[in-house]
Amino acid sequence: MEQLVIDATTRKETGKKAAKLIRSTGKIPAVVYDEEGKSTSIVVDAVQFNKVWRNITATTLVTLKVDGKAMDAFIRDTEYNIINDSVLHADFFAVTNKKPVTRTYKVQYSGTPAGVLKGGFMVKRIPEVKIKALPKDLPVRLVIDVSKINIGDVFRVKDIDLGKNITILTPAEAELVTIAPAR
């Protein structure tokens, strides 16, 4: 996947009046938090931010360049105005890739189970899986191929292969998908 970059500059002015002035110039006021909890007020270009923000998930790392200094960050939160379709404010969380983070993923499925083609039906058991890894190792999405599951088969958390750098915290015996026979 291509590296997503957002350029930013630090800002000294805060408050409603300053934020309105920043937005009137086509920029978005934002804050970047580091792992110690320190915050820095920044300004990002609205067009550049929207191109990145509309194409990522909550677990996608972006490169945030604040005054030329690059850092890996997640877009943690945004304040969005649905009336005029614009982002009013953004929060970034900068990471060092030295401490693992824990994230919860909604499980997405691909393929049609073989058991469904034979008349069974797919029963989804748990909707989310908790994962712990370094930020750079986190997957963007958790997609599971269910095309080989037959009637009576069970796909468990332990059947997910995400590589050696990722630890799945959800119990290994938890059932994700079962294929039940037709009644």
C-alpha atoms as a PDB file:
ATOM      1  CA  MET A   1       0.000   0.000   0.000  1.00  0.00           C
ATOM      2  CA  GLU A   2       1.225   3.470  -0.793  1.00  0.00           C
ATOM      3  CA  GLN A   3       2.466   5.630   2.059  1.00  0.00           C
ATOM      4  CA  LEU A   4      -0.114   8.248   3.023  1.00  0.00           C
ATOM      5  CA  VAL A   5       1.424  11.614   3.911  1.00  0.00           C
ATOM      6  CA  ILE A   6      -0.193  14.631   5.546  1.00  0.00           C
ATOM      7  CA  ASP A   7       1.804  17.868   5.829  1.00  0.00           C
ATOM      8  CA  ALA A   8       1.232  20.029   8.904  1.00  0.00           C
ATOM      9  CA  THR A   9       2.557  23.123  10.626  1.00  0.00           C
ATOM     10  CA  THR A  10       2.457  23.983  14.314  1.00  0.00           C
ATOM     11  CA  ARG A  11       0.091  26.712  15.471  1.00  0.00           C
ATOM     12  CA  LYS A  12       0.141  29.044  18.454  1.00  0.00           C
ATOM     13  CA  GLU A  13      -3.424  30.402  18.329  1.00  0.00           C
ATOM     14  CA  THR A  14      -6.222  28.345  19.864  1.00  0.00           C
ATOM     15  CA  GLY A  15      -9.894  28.922  20.479  1.00  0.00           C
ATOM     16  CA  LYS A  16     -13.040  29.345  18.379  1.00  0.00           C
ATOM     17  CA  LYS A  17     -12.002  32.578  16.694  1.00  0.00           C
ATOM     18  CA  ALA A  18      -8.625  31.193  15.633  1.00  0.00           C
ATOM     19  CA  ALA A  19     -10.227  27.925  14.421  1.00  0.00           C
ATOM     20  CA  LYS A  20     -12.736  29.827  12.247  1.00  0.00           C
ATOM     21  CA  LEU A  21      -9.917  31.878  10.746  1.00  0.00           C
ATOM     22  CA  ILE A  22      -7.907  28.709   9.998  1.00  0.00           C
ATOM     23  CA  ARG A  23     -10.920  27.035   8.335  1.00  0.00           C
ATOM     24  CA  SER A  24     -11.575  30.118   6.191  1.00  0.00           C
ATOM     25  CA  THR A  25      -8.124  29.669   4.604  1.00  0.00           C
ATOM     26  CA  GLY A  26      -8.838  26.061   3.518  1.00  0.00           C
ATOM     27  CA  LYS A  27      -7.052  24.430   6.423  1.00  0.00           C
ATOM     28  CA  ILE A  28      -8.147  22.318   9.397  1.00  0.00           C
ATOM     29  CA  PRO A  29      -7.094  22.895  13.015  1.00  0.00           C
ATOM     30  CA  ALA A  30      -5.818  19.692  14.583  1.00  0.00           C
ATOM     31  CA  VAL A  31      -3.968  18.264  17.567  1.00  0.00           C
ATOM     32  CA  VAL A  32      -1.328  15.539  17.640  1.00  0.00           C
ATOM     33  CA  TYR A  33      -0.904  13.517  20.855  1.00  0.00           C
ATOM     34  CA  ASP A  34       2.203  11.486  21.566  1.00  0.00           C
ATOM     35  CA  GLU A  35       2.514   8.291  23.619  1.00  0.00           C
ATOM     36  CA  GLU A  36       3.268  10.258  26.804  1.00  0.00           C
ATOM     37  CA  GLY A  37       0.032  12.245  26.445  1.00  0.00           C
ATOM     38  CA  LYS A  38       1.630  15.536  25.376  1.00  0.00           C
ATOM     39  CA  SER A  39      -0.278  17.484  22.764  1.00  0.00           C
ATOM     40  CA  THR A  40       0.795  19.828  19.985  1.00  0.00           C
ATOM     41  CA  SER A  41      -1.612  22.079  18.114  1.00  0.00           C
ATOM     42  CA  ILE A  42      -1.177  21.879  14.351  1.00  0.00           C
ATOM     43  CA  VAL A  43      -2.796  22.965  11.092  1.00  0.00           C
ATOM     44  CA  VAL A  44      -3.325  20.612   8.111  1.00  0.00           C
ATOM     45  CA  ASP A  45      -4.458  21.329   4.552  1.00  0.00           C
ATOM     46  CA  ALA A  46      -8.146  20.392   4.178  1.00  0.00           C
ATOM     47  CA  VAL A  47      -7.851  18.943   0.650  1.00  0.00           C
ATOM     48  CA  GLN A  48      -4.810  16.802   1.466  1.00  0.00           C
ATOM     49  CA  PHE A  49      -6.365  15.597   4.744  1.00  0.00           C
ATOM     50  CA  ASN A  50      -9.675  14.649   3.087  1.00  0.00           C
ATOM     51  CA  LYS A  51      -7.928  12.638   0.350  1.00  0.00           C
ATOM     52  CA  VAL A  52      -6.220  10.542   3.030  1.00  0.00           C
ATOM     53  CA  TRP A  53      -9.043  10.441   5.606  1.00  0.00           C
ATOM     54  CA  ARG A  54     -11.715   9.206   3.193  1.00  0.00           C
ATOM     55  CA  ASN A  55      -9.574   6.223   2.102  1.00  0.00           C
ATOM     56  CA  ILE A  56      -8.313   4.748   5.375  1.00  0.00           C
ATOM     57  CA  THR A  57      -9.471   2.704   8.340  1.00  0.00           C
ATOM     58  CA  ALA A  58      -8.925   3.397  12.039  1.00  0.00           C
ATOM     59  CA  THR A  59      -5.833   1.156  11.960  1.00  0.00           C
ATOM     60  CA  THR A  60      -4.096   2.734   8.987  1.00  0.00           C
ATOM     61  CA  LEU A  61      -0.814   4.462   9.795  1.00  0.00           C
ATOM     62  CA  VAL A  62      -0.193   7.773   8.060  1.00  0.00           C
ATOM     63  CA  THR A  63       3.002   9.802   7.895  1.00  0.00           C
ATOM     64  CA  LEU A  64       2.411  13.160   9.560  1.00  0.00           C
ATOM     65  CA  LYS A  65       5.048  15.748   8.651  1.00  0.00           C
ATOM     66  CA  VAL A  66       4.946  18.532  11.233  1.00  0.00           C
ATOM     67  CA  ASP A  67       7.227  21.378  10.147  1.00  0.00           C
ATOM     68  CA  GLY A  68       9.205  18.894   8.027  1.00  0.00           C
ATOM     69  CA  LYS A  69       9.680  16.323  10.832  1.00  0.00           C
ATOM     70  CA  ALA A  70       8.015  13.020   9.862  1.00  0.00           C
ATOM     71  CA  MET A  71       6.236  10.759  12.365  1.00  0.00           C
ATOM     72  CA  ASP A  72       3.907   7.778  12.137  1.00  0.00           C
ATOM     73  CA  ALA A  73       0.404   8.522  13.392  1.00  0.00           C
ATOM     74  CA  PHE A  74      -3.162   7.274  13.464  1.00  0.00           C
ATOM     75  CA  ILE A  75      -6.070   9.588  12.797  1.00  0.00           C
ATOM     76  CA  ARG A  76      -7.786   9.039  16.136  1.00  0.00           C
ATOM     77  CA  ASP A  77     -10.846  11.278  15.851  1.00  0.00           C
ATOM     78  CA  THR A  78     -12.458  13.907  13.668  1.00  0.00           C
ATOM     79  CA  GLU A  79     -15.147  16.486  14.236  1.00  0.00           C
ATOM     80  CA  TYR A  80     -17.299  16.494  11.121  1.00  0.00           C
ATOM     81  CA  ASN A  81     -19.995  18.918   9.905  1.00  0.00           C
ATOM     82  CA  ILE A  82     -22.564  16.904   7.936  1.00  0.00           C
ATOM     83  CA  ILE A  83     -24.366  20.023   6.711  1.00  0.00           C
ATOM     84  CA  ASN A  84     -21.511  21.336   4.583  1.00  0.00           C
ATOM     85  CA  ASP A  85     -19.597  18.015   4.302  1.00  0.00           C
ATOM     86  CA  SER A  86     -16.390  19.217   5.928  1.00  0.00           C
ATOM     87  CA  VAL A  87     -14.013  18.218   8.692  1.00  0.00           C
ATOM     88  CA  LEU A  88     -13.875  20.845  11.430  1.00  0.00           C
ATOM     89  CA  HIS A  89     -11.087  19.365  13.581  1.00  0.00           C
ATOM     90  CA  ALA A  90      -8.843  16.299  13.681  1.00  0.00           C
ATOM     91  CA  ASP A  91      -6.936  14.439  16.398  1.00  0.00           C
ATOM     92  CA  PHE A  92      -3.810  12.443  15.568  1.00  0.00           C
ATOM     93  CA  PHE A  93      -2.033   9.892  17.769  1.00  0.00           C
ATOM     94  CA  ALA A  94       1.714   9.711  17.075  1.00  0.00           C
ATOM     95  CA  VAL A  95       3.433   6.367  17.687  1.00  0.00           C
ATOM     96  CA  THR A  96       7.080   5.333  17.890  1.00  0.00           C
ATOM     97  CA  ASN A  97       6.643   1.710  16.726  1.00  0.00           C
ATOM     98  CA  LYS A  98       8.461   0.570  19.877  1.00  0.00           C
ATOM     99  CA  LYS A  99       5.407  -0.250  22.016  1.00  0.00           C
ATOM    100  CA  PRO A 100       2.706  -2.672  20.863  1.00  0.00           C
ATOM    101  CA  VAL A 101      -0.853  -1.362  20.624  1.00  0.00           C
ATOM    102  CA  THR A 102      -4.135  -3.225  20.988  1.00  0.00           C
ATOM    103  CA  ARG A 103      -6.881  -2.782  18.403  1.00  0.00           C
ATOM    104  CA  THR A 104     -10.278  -4.368  17.863  1.00  0.00           C
ATOM    105  CA  TYR A 105     -11.168  -5.375  14.299  1.00  0.00           C
ATOM    106  CA  LYS A 106     -14.577  -6.078  12.844  1.00  0.00           C
ATOM    107  CA  VAL A 107     -14.276  -9.379  10.985  1.00  0.00           C
ATOM    108  CA  GLN A 108     -14.995  -9.205   7.249  1.00  0.00           C
ATOM    109  CA  TYR A 109     -15.673 -12.318   5.190  1.00  0.00           C
ATOM    110  CA  SER A 110     -14.801 -13.096   1.581  1.00  0.00           C
ATOM    111  CA  GLY A 111     -16.032 -15.929  -0.619  1.00  0.00           C
ATOM    112  CA  THR A 112     -19.099 -18.147  -0.445  1.00  0.00           C
ATOM    113  CA  PRO A 113     -18.745 -21.126   1.901  1.00  0.00           C
ATOM    114  CA  ALA A 114     -18.840 -24.547   0.193  1.00  0.00           C
ATOM    115  CA  GLY A 115     -21.473 -25.636   2.733  1.00  0.00           C
ATOM    116  CA  VAL A 116     -23.772 -22.777   1.694  1.00  0.00           C
ATOM    117  CA  LEU A 117     -23.532 -23.918  -1.926  1.00  0.00           C
ATOM    118  CA  LYS A 118     -24.671 -27.362  -0.717  1.00  0.00           C
ATOM    119  CA  GLY A 119     -27.761 -25.959   1.028  1.00  0.00           C
ATOM    120  CA  GLY A 120     -26.470 -24.952   4.449  1.00  0.00           C
ATOM    121  CA  PHE A 121     -26.358 -21.480   5.878  1.00  0.00           C
ATOM    122  CA  MET A 122     -23.553 -19.445   7.440  1.00  0.00           C
ATOM    123  CA  VAL A 123     -23.857 -18.454  11.100  1.00  0.00           C
ATOM    124  CA  LYS A 124     -21.558 -15.633  12.245  1.00  0.00           C
ATOM    125  CA  ARG A 125     -20.703 -16.101  15.919  1.00  0.00           C
ATOM    126  CA  ILE A 126     -18.454 -13.228  17.068  1.00  0.00           C
ATOM    127  CA  PRO A 127     -18.211  -9.980  15.121  1.00  0.00           C
ATOM    128  CA  GLU A 128     -14.853  -8.686  16.411  1.00  0.00           C
ATOM    129  CA  VAL A 129     -11.328  -9.897  17.139  1.00  0.00           C
ATOM    130  CA  LYS A 130      -8.813  -8.131  19.410  1.00  0.00           C
ATOM    131  CA  ILE A 131      -5.218  -7.905  18.121  1.00  0.00           C
ATOM    132  CA  LYS A 132      -1.947  -6.712  19.683  1.00  0.00           C
ATOM    133  CA  ALA A 133       1.052  -5.698  17.550  1.00  0.00           C
ATOM    134  CA  LEU A 134       3.470  -2.910  16.781  1.00  0.00           C
ATOM    135  CA  PRO A 135       1.649  -0.144  14.874  1.00  0.00           C
ATOM    136  CA  LYS A 136       3.650  -0.794  11.691  1.00  0.00           C
ATOM    137  CA  ASP A 137       2.589  -4.472  11.741  1.00  0.00           C
ATOM    138  CA  LEU A 138      -1.159  -3.905  12.177  1.00  0.00           C
ATOM    139  CA  PRO A 139      -3.274  -5.066   9.248  1.00  0.00           C
ATOM    140  CA  VAL A 140      -5.555  -2.495   7.642  1.00  0.00           C
ATOM    141  CA  ARG A 141      -8.529  -4.903   7.693  1.00  0.00           C
ATOM    142  CA  LEU A 142      -9.226  -8.398   8.958  1.00  0.00           C
ATOM    143  CA  VAL A 143     -10.671 -10.338   6.003  1.00  0.00           C
ATOM    144  CA  ILE A 144     -11.274 -14.076   6.327  1.00  0.00           C
ATOM    145  CA  ASP A 145     -11.761 -16.410   3.354  1.00  0.00           C
ATOM    146  CA  VAL A 146     -14.674 -18.725   4.182  1.00  0.00           C
ATOM    147  CA  SER A 147     -14.961 -20.433   0.775  1.00  0.00           C
ATOM    148  CA  LYS A 148     -13.609 -23.816   2.002  1.00  0.00           C
ATOM    149  CA  ILE A 149     -15.943 -24.236   4.989  1.00  0.00           C
ATOM    150  CA  ASN A 150     -18.442 -27.107   4.625  1.00  0.00           C
ATOM    151  CA  ILE A 151     -21.639 -28.020   6.476  1.00  0.00           C
ATOM    152  CA  GLY A 152     -20.787 -28.807  10.092  1.00  0.00           C
ATOM    153  CA  ASP A 153     -17.376 -27.120   9.937  1.00  0.00           C
ATOM    154  CA  VAL A 154     -16.318 -24.413  12.371  1.00  0.00           C
ATOM    155  CA  PHE A 155     -13.853 -21.582  11.655  1.00  0.00           C
ATOM    156  CA  ARG A 156     -12.215 -20.585  14.941  1.00  0.00           C
ATOM    157  CA  VAL A 157      -9.999 -17.673  15.969  1.00  0.00           C
ATOM    158  CA  LYS A 158      -6.999 -20.050  16.064  1.00  0.00           C
ATOM    159  CA  ASP A 159      -7.502 -20.659  12.301  1.00  0.00           C
ATOM    160  CA  ILE A 160      -6.632 -17.031  11.486  1.00  0.00           C
ATOM    161  CA  ASP A 161      -3.059 -16.610  10.231  1.00  0.00           C
ATOM    162  CA  LEU A 162      -1.771 -13.048  10.623  1.00  0.00           C
ATOM    163  CA  GLY A 163       1.950 -13.804  10.860  1.00  0.00           C
ATOM    164  CA  LYS A 164       4.389 -14.055  13.744  1.00  0.00           C
ATOM    165  CA  ASN A 165       4.471 -10.339  14.589  1.00  0.00           C
ATOM    166  CA  ILE A 166       0.774 -10.173  15.522  1.00  0.00           C
ATOM    167  CA  THR A 167      -0.815 -11.599  18.670  1.00  0.00           C
ATOM    168  CA  ILE A 168      -4.531 -12.359  18.696  1.00  0.00           C
ATOM    169  CA  LEU A 169      -5.966 -11.648  22.172  1.00  0.00           C
ATOM    170  CA  THR A 170      -9.424 -13.120  21.531  1.00  0.00           C
ATOM    171  CA  PRO A 171      -9.644 -16.698  22.935  1.00  0.00           C
ATOM    172  CA  ALA A 172      -8.316 -19.216  20.367  1.00  0.00           C
ATOM    173  CA  GLU A 173     -11.306 -21.553  20.651  1.00  0.00           C
ATOM    174  CA  ALA A 174     -13.866 -18.800  20.012  1.00  0.00           C
ATOM    175  CA  GLU A 175     -16.017 -19.587  16.976  1.00  0.00           C
ATOM    176  CA  LEU A 176     -16.122 -17.031  14.174  1.00  0.00           C
ATOM    177  CA  VAL A 177     -18.254 -18.883  11.621  1.00  0.00           C
ATOM    178  CA  THR A 178     -20.135 -22.162  11.499  1.00  0.00           C
ATOM    179  CA  ILE A 179     -22.056 -23.684   8.617  1.00  0.00           C
ATOM    180  CA  ALA A 180     -25.355 -25.124   9.789  1.00  0.00           C
ATOM    181  CA  PRO A 181     -27.314 -27.684   7.772  1.00  0.00           C
ATOM    182  CA  ALA A 182     -30.623 -26.717   6.204  1.00  0.00           C
ATOM    183  CA  ARG A 183     -33.624 -27.539   8.381  1.00  0.00           C
END
